[in-house]
C-alpha atoms as a PDB file:
ATOM      1  CA  MET A   1     263.690 199.698  71.946  1.00  0.00           C
ATOM      2  CA  ASP A   2     260.361 198.308  70.709  1.00  0.00           C
ATOM      3  CA  ARG A   3     258.055 201.304  70.966  1.00  0.00           C
ATOM      4  CA  LEU A   4     254.840 199.314  70.538  1.00  0.00           C
ATOM      5  CA  HIS A   5     255.595 196.169  72.512  1.00  0.00           C
ATOM      6  CA  ALA A   6     254.454 197.278  75.970  1.00  0.00           C
ATOM      7  CA  LEU A   7     251.258 198.904  74.683  1.00  0.00           C
ATOM      8  CA  LEU A   8     250.284 195.884  72.593  1.00  0.00           C
ATOM      9  CA  GLN A   9     251.193 193.511  75.397  1.00  0.00           C
ATOM     10  CA  ARG A  10     248.974 195.314  77.895  1.00  0.00           C
ATOM     11  CA  PHE A  11     246.179 196.244  75.456  1.00  0.00           C
ATOM     12  CA  SER A  12     246.233 193.127  73.348  1.00  0.00           C
ATOM     13  CA  VAL A  13     245.128 193.094  69.723  1.00  0.00           C
ATOM     14  CA  SER A  14     242.396 190.625  68.808  1.00  0.00           C
ATOM     15  CA  ALA A  15     240.390 190.006  65.638  1.00  0.00           C
ATOM     16  CA  GLY A  16     237.486 187.843  64.521  1.00  0.00           C
ATOM     17  CA  MET A  17     236.600 187.517  60.833  1.00  0.00           C
ATOM     18  CA  PHE A  18     232.895 187.892  60.012  1.00  0.00           C
ATOM     19  CA  HIS A  19     232.938 188.037  56.204  1.00  0.00           C
ATOM     20  CA  SER A  20     235.047 186.800  53.298  1.00  0.00           C
ATOM     21  CA  GLY A  21     234.241 186.823  49.601  1.00  0.00           C
ATOM     22  CA  PRO A  22     232.193 189.088  47.323  1.00  0.00           C
ATOM     23  CA  LEU A  23     230.179 191.923  48.847  1.00  0.00           C
ATOM     24  CA  CYS A  24     227.476 193.064  46.407  1.00  0.00           C
ATOM     25  CA  GLY A  25     225.049 195.962  46.377  1.00  0.00           C
ATOM     26  CA  ILE A  26     224.230 197.807  49.607  1.00  0.00           C
ATOM     27  CA  ASN A  27     225.549 196.392  52.886  1.00  0.00           C
ATOM     28  CA  GLU A  28     224.978 197.927  56.303  1.00  0.00           C
ATOM     29  CA  ILE A  29     227.682 197.367  58.950  1.00  0.00           C
ATOM     30  CA  PRO A  30     226.037 198.163  62.317  1.00  0.00           C
ATOM     31  CA  GLU A  31     227.897 199.702  65.220  1.00  0.00           C
ATOM     32  CA  HIS A  32     229.387 196.927  67.310  1.00  0.00           C
ATOM     33  CA  ALA A  33     229.013 197.157  71.082  1.00  0.00           C
ATOM     34  CA  ASP A  34     232.712 196.928  71.917  1.00  0.00           C
ATOM     35  CA  ALA A  35     234.743 196.511  68.720  1.00  0.00           C
ATOM     36  CA  GLY A  36     235.843 198.292  65.596  1.00  0.00           C
ATOM     37  CA  GLN A  37     236.309 196.745  62.164  1.00  0.00           C
ATOM     38  CA  LEU A  38     239.124 196.108  59.742  1.00  0.00           C
ATOM     39  CA  HIS A  39     238.051 195.646  56.111  1.00  0.00           C
ATOM     40  CA  LEU A  40     240.464 194.471  53.433  1.00  0.00           C
ATOM     41  CA  ILE A  41     239.385 195.221  49.862  1.00  0.00           C
ATOM     42  CA  ARG A  42     241.143 192.824  47.514  1.00  0.00           C
ATOM     43  CA  SER A  43     239.437 194.049  44.347  1.00  0.00           C
ATOM     44  CA  GLY A  44     236.451 196.104  43.234  1.00  0.00           C
ATOM     45  CA  ILE A  45     235.158 199.622  43.811  1.00  0.00           C
ATOM     46  CA  VAL A  46     233.601 200.430  47.177  1.00  0.00           C
ATOM     47  CA  GLU A  47     231.719 203.541  48.211  1.00  0.00           C
ATOM     48  CA  ILE A  48     231.642 204.223  51.961  1.00  0.00           C
ATOM     49  CA  ARG A  49     228.894 206.214  53.640  1.00  0.00           C
ATOM     50  CA  HIS A  50     228.442 207.314  57.242  1.00  0.00           C
ATOM     51  CA  GLY A  51     224.872 208.502  57.572  1.00  0.00           C
ATOM     52  CA  ASP A  52     224.668 212.058  56.218  1.00  0.00           C
ATOM     53  CA  ASP A  53     228.402 212.747  56.678  1.00  0.00           C
ATOM     54  CA  GLY A  54     229.334 212.441  53.016  1.00  0.00           C
ATOM     55  CA  ARG A  55     230.865 209.631  50.991  1.00  0.00           C
ATOM     56  CA  GLU A  56     234.272 208.233  50.136  1.00  0.00           C
ATOM     57  CA  LEU A  57     235.070 206.214  47.043  1.00  0.00           C
ATOM     58  CA  ILE A  58     237.742 203.487  47.195  1.00  0.00           C
ATOM     59  CA  GLU A  59     238.952 202.465  43.745  1.00  0.00           C
ATOM     60  CA  THR A  60     242.183 200.598  44.550  1.00  0.00           C
ATOM     61  CA  PRO A  61     242.875 197.597  46.839  1.00  0.00           C
ATOM     62  CA  SER A  62     242.851 199.168  50.304  1.00  0.00           C
ATOM     63  CA  LEU A  63     242.262 198.571  53.974  1.00  0.00           C
ATOM     64  CA  LEU A  64     239.687 200.408  56.047  1.00  0.00           C
ATOM     65  CA  LEU A  65     240.250 200.521  59.794  1.00  0.00           C
ATOM     66  CA  TYR A  66     237.504 201.641  62.170  1.00  0.00           C
ATOM     67  CA  PRO A  67     239.322 201.483  65.532  1.00  0.00           C
ATOM     68  CA  ARG A  68     236.166 202.302  67.494  1.00  0.00           C
ATOM     69  CA  PRO A  69     232.542 201.189  67.076  1.00  0.00           C
ATOM     70  CA  ARG A  70     230.944 203.101  64.196  1.00  0.00           C
ATOM     71  CA  ALA A  71     228.091 202.207  61.862  1.00  0.00           C
ATOM     72  CA  HIS A  72     228.856 202.450  58.149  1.00  0.00           C
ATOM     73  CA  ARG A  73     227.467 201.415  54.781  1.00  0.00           C
ATOM     74  CA  PHE A  74     229.180 199.888  51.736  1.00  0.00           C
ATOM     75  CA  LEU A  75     227.861 200.343  48.218  1.00  0.00           C
ATOM     76  CA  THR A  76     229.322 198.139  45.487  1.00  0.00           C
ATOM     77  CA  ASP A  77     228.291 196.984  42.037  1.00  0.00           C
ATOM     78  CA  PRO A  78     225.164 194.808  42.490  1.00  0.00           C
ATOM     79  CA  GLU A  79     226.540 192.079  40.219  1.00  0.00           C
ATOM     80  CA  ARG A  80     230.335 192.248  40.325  1.00  0.00           C
ATOM     81  CA  GLY A  81     230.573 193.464  43.910  1.00  0.00           C
ATOM     82  CA  ALA A  82     233.966 193.667  45.623  1.00  0.00           C
ATOM     83  CA  ASP A  83     236.126 190.898  47.053  1.00  0.00           C
ATOM     84  CA  MET A  84     236.591 191.668  50.731  1.00  0.00           C
ATOM     85  CA  ALA A  85     237.669 190.115  53.999  1.00  0.00           C
ATOM     86  CA  CYS A  86     236.246 191.779  57.136  1.00  0.00           C
ATOM     87  CA  ALA A  87     236.896 191.322  60.844  1.00  0.00           C
ATOM     88  CA  ASN A  88     235.807 192.808  64.147  1.00  0.00           C
ATOM     89  CA  VAL A  89     238.933 194.100  65.898  1.00  0.00           C
ATOM     90  CA  ARG A  90     239.740 195.126  69.429  1.00  0.00           C
ATOM     91  CA  LEU A  91     242.712 197.029  70.806  1.00  0.00           C
ATOM     92  CA  GLY A  92     242.326 196.168  74.467  1.00  0.00           C
ATOM     93  CA  ALA A  93     239.369 195.122  76.587  1.00  0.00           C
ATOM     94  CA  THR A  94     237.212 198.162  75.823  1.00  0.00           C
ATOM     95  CA  PRO A  95     237.228 200.851  73.110  1.00  0.00           C
ATOM     96  CA  ASP A  96     238.345 203.465  75.654  1.00  0.00           C
ATOM     97  CA  ASN A  97     242.089 202.823  75.871  1.00  0.00           C
ATOM     98  CA  PRO A  98     245.231 204.777  74.906  1.00  0.00           C
ATOM     99  CA  VAL A  99     245.818 202.910  71.630  1.00  0.00           C
ATOM    100  CA  THR A 100     242.272 203.272  70.323  1.00  0.00           C
ATOM    101  CA  ARG A 101     241.948 206.899  71.420  1.00  0.00           C
ATOM    102  CA  ALA A 102     245.147 207.743  69.534  1.00  0.00           C
ATOM    103  CA  LEU A 103     243.639 206.760  66.175  1.00  0.00           C
ATOM    104  CA  PRO A 104     241.299 208.724  63.877  1.00  0.00           C
ATOM    105  CA  PRO A 105     237.714 207.468  63.389  1.00  0.00           C
ATOM    106  CA  LEU A 106     238.638 205.915  60.026  1.00  0.00           C
ATOM    107  CA  VAL A 107     241.986 204.975  58.516  1.00  0.00           C
ATOM    108  CA  VAL A 108     242.087 204.390  54.751  1.00  0.00           C
ATOM    109  CA  MET A 109     245.338 202.921  53.437  1.00  0.00           C
ATOM    110  CA  PRO A 110     246.186 201.371  50.056  1.00  0.00           C
ATOM    111  CA  LEU A 111     247.344 197.790  50.625  1.00  0.00           C
ATOM    112  CA  GLU A 112     250.601 198.535  48.821  1.00  0.00           C
ATOM    113  CA  GLN A 113     251.525 200.984  51.599  1.00  0.00           C
ATOM    114  CA  LEU A 114     251.815 198.302  54.278  1.00  0.00           C
ATOM    115  CA  PRO A 115     255.388 197.845  55.570  1.00  0.00           C
ATOM    116  CA  ALA A 116     257.809 195.282  54.184  1.00  0.00           C
ATOM    117  CA  GLY A 117     256.348 191.805  54.412  1.00  0.00           C
ATOM    118  CA  GLY A 118     252.788 193.060  54.190  1.00  0.00           C
ATOM    119  CA  ALA A 119     252.221 191.676  50.694  1.00  0.00           C
ATOM    120  CA  GLY A 120     253.046 188.146  51.835  1.00  0.00           C
ATOM    121  CA  VAL A 121     250.774 188.422  54.879  1.00  0.00           C
ATOM    122  CA  LEU A 122     247.899 189.695  52.745  1.00  0.00           C
ATOM    123  CA  GLU A 123     248.387 186.968  50.139  1.00  0.00           C
ATOM    124  CA  LEU A 124     248.168 184.277  52.811  1.00  0.00           C
ATOM    125  CA  LEU A 125     245.236 185.996  54.533  1.00  0.00           C
ATOM    126  CA  PHE A 126     243.158 186.190  51.361  1.00  0.00           C
ATOM    127  CA  GLU A 127     244.085 182.632  50.374  1.00  0.00           C
ATOM    128  CA  GLU A 128     242.956 181.293  53.744  1.00  0.00           C
ATOM    129  CA  ALA A 129     239.899 183.553  54.005  1.00  0.00           C
ATOM    130  CA  PHE A 130     238.491 182.443  50.652  1.00  0.00           C
ATOM    131  CA  SER A 131     239.561 178.783  50.886  1.00  0.00           C
ATOM    132  CA  GLY A 132     237.176 177.374  53.497  1.00  0.00           C
ATOM    133  CA  LEU A 133     239.893 174.947  54.564  1.00  0.00           C
ATOM    134  CA  CYS A 134     239.765 173.310  57.984  1.00  0.00           C
ATOM    135  CA  GLY A 135     240.911 175.807  60.637  1.00  0.00           C
ATOM    136  CA  HIS A 136     241.033 178.713  58.217  1.00  0.00           C
ATOM    137  CA  ARG A 137     239.155 181.101  60.527  1.00  0.00           C
ATOM    138  CA  HIS A 138     241.732 180.694  63.280  1.00  0.00           C
ATOM    139  CA  VAL A 139     244.558 181.358  60.822  1.00  0.00           C
ATOM    140  CA  VAL A 140     242.801 184.372  59.306  1.00  0.00           C
ATOM    141  CA  ASP A 141     242.056 185.916  62.712  1.00  0.00           C
ATOM    142  CA  ARG A 142     245.743 185.812  63.620  1.00  0.00           C
ATOM    143  CA  LEU A 143     246.716 187.294  60.241  1.00  0.00           C
ATOM    144  CA  PHE A 144     244.215 190.136  60.728  1.00  0.00           C
ATOM    145  CA  GLU A 145     245.978 190.878  64.017  1.00  0.00           C
ATOM    146  CA  VAL A 146     249.331 190.998  62.204  1.00  0.00           C
ATOM    147  CA  VAL A 147     247.894 193.407  59.632  1.00  0.00           C
ATOM    148  CA  LEU A 148     246.532 195.616  62.409  1.00  0.00           C
ATOM    149  CA  VAL A 149     249.971 195.902  64.018  1.00  0.00           C
ATOM    150  CA  MET A 150     251.453 196.707  60.602  1.00  0.00           C
ATOM    151  CA  VAL A 151     248.908 199.502  60.191  1.00  0.00           C
ATOM    152  CA  LEU A 152     249.880 201.031  63.546  1.00  0.00           C
ATOM    153  CA  ARG A 153     253.555 200.819  62.603  1.00  0.00           C
ATOM    154  CA  ARG A 154     252.919 202.441  59.229  1.00  0.00           C
ATOM    155  CA  LEU A 155     250.847 205.283  60.688  1.00  0.00           C
ATOM    156  CA  MET A 156     253.668 206.082  63.093  1.00  0.00           C
ATOM    157  CA  ASP A 157     256.324 205.935  60.385  1.00  0.00           C
ATOM    158  CA  GLN A 158     254.277 208.161  58.066  1.00  0.00           C
ATOM    159  CA  GLY A 159     253.620 210.759  60.774  1.00  0.00           C
ATOM    160  CA  ARG A 160     249.877 210.510  60.125  1.00  0.00           C
ATOM    161  CA  LEU A 161     248.926 210.807  63.800  1.00  0.00           C
ATOM    162  CA  ASP A 162     248.567 214.378  65.006  1.00  0.00           C
ATOM    163  CA  ASP A 163     248.563 213.692  68.728  1.00  0.00           C
ATOM    164  CA  GLY A 164     248.222 210.961  71.348  1.00  0.00           C
ATOM    165  CA  PRO A 165     250.677 208.322  72.576  1.00  0.00           C
ATOM    166  CA  LEU A 166     251.314 206.851  69.110  1.00  0.00           C
ATOM    167  CA  ALA A 167     252.362 210.289  67.874  1.00  0.00           C
ATOM    168  CA  GLY A 168     254.621 210.528  70.911  1.00  0.00           C
ATOM    169  CA  LEU A 169     256.113 207.125  70.175  1.00  0.00           C
ATOM    170  CA  ALA A 170     257.004 208.366  66.687  1.00  0.00           C
ATOM    171  CA  ASP A 171     259.303 210.947  68.295  1.00  0.00           C
ATOM    172  CA  PRO A 172     262.667 209.330  69.186  1.00  0.00           C
ATOM    173  CA  GLN A 173     263.129 211.288  72.425  1.00  0.00           C
ATOM    174  CA  LEU A 174     259.556 211.239  73.713  1.00  0.00           C
ATOM    175  CA  ALA A 175     259.368 207.545  72.828  1.00  0.00           C
ATOM    176  CA  ARG A 176     261.973 206.739  75.483  1.00  0.00           C
ATOM    177  CA  ALA A 177     259.900 208.342  78.234  1.00  0.00           C
ATOM    178  CA  LEU A 178     256.620 206.873  76.986  1.00  0.00           C
ATOM    179  CA  THR A 179     258.107 203.402  76.686  1.00  0.00           C
ATOM    180  CA  ALA A 180     259.410 203.660  80.255  1.00  0.00           C
ATOM    181  CA  MET A 181     255.896 204.491  81.500  1.00  0.00           C
ATOM    182  CA  HIS A 182     254.342 201.730  79.414  1.00  0.00           C
ATOM    183  CA  ASP A 183     256.891 199.160  80.578  1.00  0.00           C
ATOM    184  CA  ALA A 184     256.640 199.971  84.287  1.00  0.00           C
ATOM    185  CA  PRO A 185     253.467 201.899  85.182  1.00  0.00           C
ATOM    186  CA  GLN A 186     253.834 200.779  88.787  1.00  0.00           C
ATOM    187  CA  ASN A 187     256.977 202.903  89.219  1.00  0.00           C
ATOM    188  CA  GLY A 188     256.635 206.232  90.997  1.00  0.00           C
ATOM    189  CA  TRP A 189     257.700 208.243  87.955  1.00  0.00           C
ATOM    190  CA  THR A 190     258.450 211.938  88.411  1.00  0.00           C
ATOM    191  CA  LEU A 191     258.725 214.640  85.775  1.00  0.00           C
ATOM    192  CA  PRO A 192     262.528 214.978  86.201  1.00  0.00           C
ATOM    193  CA  GLU A 193     262.982 211.191  85.831  1.00  0.00           C
ATOM    194  CA  LEU A 194     260.921 211.073  82.655  1.00  0.00           C
ATOM    195  CA  ALA A 195     262.710 214.115  81.225  1.00  0.00           C
ATOM    196  CA  ALA A 196     266.020 212.406  81.901  1.00  0.00           C
ATOM    197  CA  ARG A 197     264.804 209.308  80.057  1.00  0.00           C
ATOM    198  CA  ALA A 198     264.009 211.513  77.075  1.00  0.00           C
ATOM    199  CA  GLY A 199     267.374 213.265  77.294  1.00  0.00           C
ATOM    200  CA  MET A 200     265.687 216.661  77.623  1.00  0.00           C
ATOM    201  CA  SER A 201     265.421 219.412  80.190  1.00  0.00           C
ATOM    202  CA  ARG A 202     262.340 219.250  82.383  1.00  0.00           C
ATOM    203  CA  SER A 203     260.690 222.324  80.844  1.00  0.00           C
ATOM    204  CA  ARG A 204     261.468 221.329  77.247  1.00  0.00           C
ATOM    205  CA  PHE A 205     260.240 217.787  77.856  1.00  0.00           C
ATOM    206  CA  ALA A 206     256.986 218.948  79.485  1.00  0.00           C
ATOM    207  CA  GLU A 207     256.283 221.353  76.615  1.00  0.00           C
ATOM    208  CA  ALA A 208     257.121 218.843  73.865  1.00  0.00           C
ATOM    209  CA  PHE A 209     255.136 216.064  75.539  1.00  0.00           C
ATOM    210  CA  ALA A 210     252.006 218.185  75.979  1.00  0.00           C
ATOM    211  CA  ARG A 211     252.217 219.488  72.398  1.00  0.00           C
ATOM    212  CA  THR A 212     252.671 216.039  70.854  1.00  0.00           C
ATOM    213  CA  VAL A 213     250.665 213.732  73.122  1.00  0.00           C
ATOM    214  CA  GLY A 214     247.968 216.255  74.033  1.00  0.00           C
ATOM    215  CA  GLN A 215     248.361 215.891  77.801  1.00  0.00           C
ATOM    216  CA  THR A 216     250.947 216.664  80.432  1.00  0.00           C
ATOM    217  CA  PRO A 217     253.247 213.717  81.231  1.00  0.00           C
ATOM    218  CA  MET A 218     251.699 213.128  84.653  1.00  0.00           C
ATOM    219  CA  ALA A 219     248.130 213.404  83.355  1.00  0.00           C
ATOM    220  CA  TYR A 220     248.937 210.859  80.654  1.00  0.00           C
ATOM    221  CA  LEU A 221     250.512 208.507  83.199  1.00  0.00           C
ATOM    222  CA  ALA A 222     247.448 208.771  85.458  1.00  0.00           C
ATOM    223  CA  GLY A 223     245.101 208.008  82.549  1.00  0.00           C
ATOM    224  CA  TYR A 224     247.297 205.144  81.386  1.00  0.00           C
ATOM    225  CA  ARG A 225     247.218 203.575  84.842  1.00  0.00           C
ATOM    226  CA  ILE A 226     243.414 203.810  84.981  1.00  0.00           C
ATOM    227  CA  ALA A 227     243.124 202.244  81.524  1.00  0.00           C
ATOM    228  CA  LEU A 228     245.331 199.374  82.680  1.00  0.00           C
ATOM    229  CA  ALA A 229     243.226 199.018  85.816  1.00  0.00           C
ATOM    230  CA  GLN A 230     240.086 198.799  83.661  1.00  0.00           C
ATOM    231  CA  ASP A 231     241.632 196.062  81.545  1.00  0.00           C
ATOM    232  CA  LEU A 232     242.691 194.046  84.600  1.00  0.00           C
ATOM    233  CA  LEU A 233     239.324 194.503  86.319  1.00  0.00           C
ATOM    234  CA  ARG A 234     237.597 193.366  83.150  1.00  0.00           C
ATOM    235  CA  ARG A 235     239.681 190.202  83.401  1.00  0.00           C
ATOM    236  CA  GLY A 236     238.440 189.609  86.945  1.00  0.00           C
ATOM    237  CA  ARG A 237     241.606 190.524  88.843  1.00  0.00           C
ATOM    238  CA  PRO A 238     241.138 191.453  92.538  1.00  0.00           C
ATOM    239  CA  LEU A 239     241.198 195.186  93.204  1.00  0.00           C
ATOM    240  CA  GLY A 240     244.168 194.972  95.578  1.00  0.00           C
ATOM    241  CA  LEU A 241     246.354 193.213  93.013  1.00  0.00           C
ATOM    242  CA  VAL A 242     245.254 195.658  90.328  1.00  0.00           C
ATOM    243  CA  ALA A 243     246.219 198.591  92.549  1.00  0.00           C
ATOM    244  CA  GLU A 244     249.695 197.134  93.045  1.00  0.00           C
ATOM    245  CA  ALA A 245     250.149 196.414  89.332  1.00  0.00           C
ATOM    246  CA  VAL A 246     249.305 199.946  88.206  1.00  0.00           C
ATOM    247  CA  GLY A 247     251.185 201.906  90.846  1.00  0.00           C
ATOM    248  CA  TYR A 248     248.702 202.656  93.620  1.00  0.00           C
ATOM    249  CA  GLY A 249     249.556 201.873  97.202  1.00  0.00           C
ATOM    250  CA  SER A 250     246.214 200.361  98.114  1.00  0.00           C
ATOM    251  CA  ALA A 251     242.810 199.382  96.786  1.00  0.00           C
ATOM    252  CA  THR A 252     241.390 202.473  98.488  1.00  0.00           C
ATOM    253  CA  ALA A 253     243.815 204.785  96.676  1.00  0.00           C
ATOM    254  CA  LEU A 254     242.992 203.174  93.332  1.00  0.00           C
ATOM    255  CA  SER A 255     239.240 203.364  93.995  1.00  0.00           C
ATOM    256  CA  ARG A 256     239.535 207.071  94.749  1.00  0.00           C
ATOM    257  CA  ALA A 257     241.543 207.787  91.596  1.00  0.00           C
ATOM    258  CA  PHE A 258     239.321 205.520  89.499  1.00  0.00           C
ATOM    259  CA  SER A 259     236.141 207.265  90.668  1.00  0.00           C
ATOM    260  CA  GLN A 260     237.625 210.707  89.972  1.00  0.00           C
ATOM    261  CA  HIS A 261     238.638 209.637  86.456  1.00  0.00           C
ATOM    262  CA  CYS A 262     235.602 207.560  85.438  1.00  0.00           C
ATOM    263  CA  GLY A 263     232.801 208.931  87.597  1.00  0.00           C
ATOM    264  CA  LEU A 264     232.134 205.402  88.910  1.00  0.00           C
ATOM    265  CA  SER A 265     233.720 203.127  91.468  1.00  0.00           C
ATOM    266  CA  PRO A 266     235.620 200.133  90.036  1.00  0.00           C
ATOM    267  CA  ARG A 267     232.786 197.803  91.048  1.00  0.00           C
ATOM    268  CA  ASP A 268     230.072 199.955  89.477  1.00  0.00           C
ATOM    269  CA  TRP A 269     232.162 200.465  86.326  1.00  0.00           C
ATOM    270  CA  ARG A 270     232.565 196.723  85.879  1.00  0.00           C
ATOM    271  CA  LYS A 271     228.786 196.274  86.027  1.00  0.00           C
ATOM    272  CA  THR A 272     228.447 198.480  82.930  1.00  0.00           C
ATOM    273  CA  LEU A 273     230.483 196.149  80.701  1.00  0.00           C
ATOM    274  CA  PRO A 274     228.740 193.840  78.222  1.00  0.00           C
ATOM    275  CA  GLU A 275     228.886 190.255  79.417  1.00  0.00           C
ATOM    276  CA  ARG A 276     231.008 189.116  76.462  1.00  0.00           C
ATOM    277  CA  THR A 277     233.847 191.425  77.531  1.00  0.00           C
ATOM    278  CA  LEU A 278     234.063 189.847  80.980  1.00  0.00           C
ATOM    279  CA  SER A 279     236.580 187.107  80.314  1.00  0.00           C
ATOM    280  CA  PRO A 280     240.149 186.254  81.301  1.00  0.00           C
END
């Protein structure tokens, strides 16, 4: 069972490099409209600041993942700087999706902690990022996406996620029920069916799910379906087909549930998206 496959297939990972090479002195990274950032520090000392919320000093080669839009500032030696590769990253069409919500505002991880194979990926990424060879940006963007998946895998394996679906996927029993929902959201899942998938009694499953994921199983399923609907609507899919894909019997039923969840009808919600997110 691949615990991440369905989530990453439905809320696809994408990355776009915007910097490679030395970063010297004071550098402001503004809040992006619809993306987070993944920074890879190859060498050098970097101080991170978030307004008046304190500082964090990074003294070893590390990665910094901002899964959601957040302004931040880097301070490095004005002359030596720090060798870095930076990319805007997205986990799905919009920042409000189950994968992004499951992550803390900032993940700091030494590069040596990436799973097996990570060192080879990083070596190739840095080589391409700093080379300027023909097509290097396309290669680097794909390698950033690989690193991002490795980070998610490592966070789950380390138990560093306190709640949310990724914490649930780290639990062998809850993972079976969550994966079933992620694989087939259109199914009319019931609490007894999901408990059976997890190999647990209904009451024990409901209690464990709520404690670990932070929601009841049926509330999570409802939110997951709406998040999928948002992603499909963003891609221009007709409302009727979206309703069928995410488990609602009609466009009217989906519109009602969507409005209750988001406070806007599907049509009005789509009008709020930045133009650059409206693509297939």
